[in-house]
C-alpha cells in the first residue's frame, strides 16, 4: 500500500501527515510522531488546502 503524504499551510503544525479515516473520525498521522483527531466535516472543508507530497 502506497503512503500518501500531505502538508497543509493553514495548519499550525507544518509537518507532513497521512490521512486515516475510521468511521466518522479522521486521524492525521504526522511523520515526526503524534496524531490529531478531526471530523469528516472538517476534512471536507480543509481538503482543498492539502498539498500532496507523494
N, C-alpha and C. Protein backbone atom coordinates (compact mmCIF):
# COMPACT_ATOMS: atom_id res chain seq x y z
N UNK A 1 0.84 -1.18 0.00
CA UNK A 1 0.00 0.00 0.00
C UNK A 1 0.88 1.25 0.00
N UNK A 2 0.64 2.12 -0.96
CA UNK A 2 1.44 3.33 -1.07
C UNK A 2 0.94 4.37 -0.07
N UNK A 3 1.87 4.99 0.62
CA UNK A 3 1.51 6.02 1.58
C UNK A 3 1.39 7.36 0.86
N UNK A 4 0.34 8.09 1.17
CA UNK A 4 0.14 9.41 0.59
C UNK A 4 0.39 10.45 1.67
N UNK A 5 1.41 11.26 1.48
CA UNK A 5 1.76 12.30 2.44
C UNK A 5 1.23 13.64 1.94
N UNK A 6 0.79 14.47 2.88
CA UNK A 6 0.27 15.79 2.56
C UNK A 6 0.88 16.81 3.52
N UNK A 7 0.81 18.07 3.12
CA UNK A 7 1.06 19.16 4.06
C UNK A 7 -0.07 20.17 3.85
N UNK A 8 -0.30 20.99 4.85
CA UNK A 8 -1.39 21.95 4.78
C UNK A 8 -0.91 23.28 5.36
N UNK A 9 -0.79 24.32 4.54
CA UNK A 9 -0.27 25.60 5.02
C UNK A 9 -1.17 26.30 6.04
N UNK A 10 -2.45 25.91 6.12
CA UNK A 10 -3.35 26.57 7.06
C UNK A 10 -3.28 25.98 8.47
N UNK A 11 -2.57 24.86 8.63
CA UNK A 11 -2.46 24.24 9.95
C UNK A 11 -1.25 24.79 10.70
N UNK A 12 -1.35 24.81 12.04
CA UNK A 12 -0.24 25.30 12.86
C UNK A 12 0.97 24.39 12.76
N UNK A 13 0.74 23.07 12.76
CA UNK A 13 1.85 22.12 12.64
C UNK A 13 2.24 22.02 11.17
N UNK A 14 3.48 22.30 10.86
CA UNK A 14 3.93 22.31 9.46
C UNK A 14 4.52 20.98 9.02
N UNK A 15 4.32 19.94 9.82
CA UNK A 15 4.84 18.62 9.50
C UNK A 15 3.97 17.96 8.43
N UNK A 16 4.55 17.03 7.67
CA UNK A 16 3.74 16.28 6.70
C UNK A 16 2.95 15.20 7.43
N UNK A 17 1.82 14.81 6.86
CA UNK A 17 0.93 13.87 7.53
C UNK A 17 0.24 12.95 6.53
N UNK A 18 -0.28 11.84 7.06
CA UNK A 18 -1.13 10.92 6.31
C UNK A 18 -2.54 11.04 6.87
N UNK A 19 -3.53 10.75 6.06
CA UNK A 19 -4.93 10.80 6.49
C UNK A 19 -5.43 9.37 6.65
N UNK A 20 -5.99 9.08 7.82
CA UNK A 20 -6.58 7.77 8.11
C UNK A 20 -8.03 7.99 8.49
N UNK A 21 -8.97 7.38 7.76
CA UNK A 21 -10.39 7.56 8.02
C UNK A 21 -10.94 6.29 8.65
N UNK A 22 -11.54 6.46 9.84
CA UNK A 22 -12.15 5.33 10.55
C UNK A 22 -13.54 5.76 11.00
N UNK A 23 -14.58 5.24 10.34
CA UNK A 23 -15.94 5.62 10.70
C UNK A 23 -16.17 7.10 10.45
N UNK A 24 -16.66 7.80 11.47
CA UNK A 24 -16.92 9.24 11.35
C UNK A 24 -15.71 10.09 11.74
N UNK A 25 -14.64 9.44 12.19
CA UNK A 25 -13.45 10.16 12.63
C UNK A 25 -12.37 10.15 11.55
N UNK A 26 -11.60 11.21 11.51
CA UNK A 26 -10.46 11.34 10.61
C UNK A 26 -9.23 11.57 11.48
N UNK A 27 -8.20 10.78 11.27
CA UNK A 27 -6.96 10.94 12.02
C UNK A 27 -5.86 11.43 11.08
N UNK A 28 -5.14 12.45 11.51
CA UNK A 28 -3.97 12.92 10.78
C UNK A 28 -2.75 12.36 11.50
N UNK A 29 -2.02 11.49 10.83
CA UNK A 29 -0.84 10.85 11.42
C UNK A 29 0.40 11.58 10.93
N UNK A 30 1.12 12.21 11.85
CA UNK A 30 2.25 13.04 11.48
C UNK A 30 3.53 12.23 11.36
N UNK A 31 4.40 12.65 10.47
CA UNK A 31 5.64 11.92 10.20
C UNK A 31 6.56 11.92 11.40
N UNK A 32 6.63 13.03 12.12
CA UNK A 32 7.52 13.13 13.28
C UNK A 32 6.91 12.51 14.53
N UNK A 33 5.73 11.96 14.41
CA UNK A 33 5.05 11.34 15.55
C UNK A 33 3.87 12.16 15.99
N UNK A 34 2.91 11.50 16.60
CA UNK A 34 1.71 12.18 17.06
C UNK A 34 0.60 12.11 16.03
N UNK A 35 -0.59 12.47 16.48
CA UNK A 35 -1.74 12.44 15.59
C UNK A 35 -2.77 13.46 16.08
N UNK A 36 -3.67 13.82 15.19
CA UNK A 36 -4.79 14.69 15.51
C UNK A 36 -6.07 13.98 15.10
N UNK A 37 -7.11 14.13 15.90
CA UNK A 37 -8.41 13.55 15.58
C UNK A 37 -9.33 14.67 15.12
N UNK A 38 -9.91 14.50 13.95
CA UNK A 38 -10.81 15.50 13.37
C UNK A 38 -12.09 14.82 12.92
N UNK A 39 -13.05 15.62 12.46
CA UNK A 39 -14.31 15.07 11.96
C UNK A 39 -14.29 15.02 10.44
N UNK A 40 -15.22 14.27 9.88
CA UNK A 40 -15.33 14.21 8.41
C UNK A 40 -15.73 15.56 7.84
N UNK A 41 -16.52 16.34 8.59
CA UNK A 41 -16.90 17.68 8.14
C UNK A 41 -15.66 18.56 7.99
N UNK A 42 -14.74 18.47 8.96
CA UNK A 42 -13.50 19.24 8.90
C UNK A 42 -12.71 18.84 7.65
N UNK A 43 -12.64 17.53 7.38
CA UNK A 43 -11.89 17.05 6.21
C UNK A 43 -12.51 17.59 4.92
N UNK A 44 -13.82 17.61 4.84
CA UNK A 44 -14.49 18.11 3.63
C UNK A 44 -14.16 19.58 3.40
N UNK A 45 -14.09 20.36 4.49
CA UNK A 45 -13.78 21.79 4.37
C UNK A 45 -12.30 22.03 4.04
N UNK A 46 -11.41 21.29 4.66
CA UNK A 46 -9.97 21.56 4.58
C UNK A 46 -9.25 20.84 3.45
N UNK A 47 -9.87 19.83 2.85
CA UNK A 47 -9.17 19.01 1.86
C UNK A 47 -8.63 19.83 0.68
N UNK A 48 -9.29 20.90 0.34
CA UNK A 48 -8.83 21.75 -0.76
C UNK A 48 -7.48 22.40 -0.45
N UNK A 49 -7.15 22.55 0.83
CA UNK A 49 -5.89 23.18 1.23
C UNK A 49 -4.73 22.20 1.30
N UNK A 50 -5.01 20.89 1.20
CA UNK A 50 -3.96 19.88 1.32
C UNK A 50 -3.08 19.90 0.06
N UNK A 51 -1.78 19.80 0.26
CA UNK A 51 -0.83 19.75 -0.84
C UNK A 51 -0.20 18.35 -0.86
N UNK A 52 -0.44 17.54 -1.91
CA UNK A 52 0.15 16.20 -1.94
C UNK A 52 1.67 16.27 -2.11
N UNK A 53 2.37 15.45 -1.33
CA UNK A 53 3.83 15.42 -1.39
C UNK A 53 4.35 14.14 -2.02
N UNK A 54 3.48 13.20 -2.29
CA UNK A 54 3.91 11.95 -2.91
C UNK A 54 3.83 10.77 -1.99
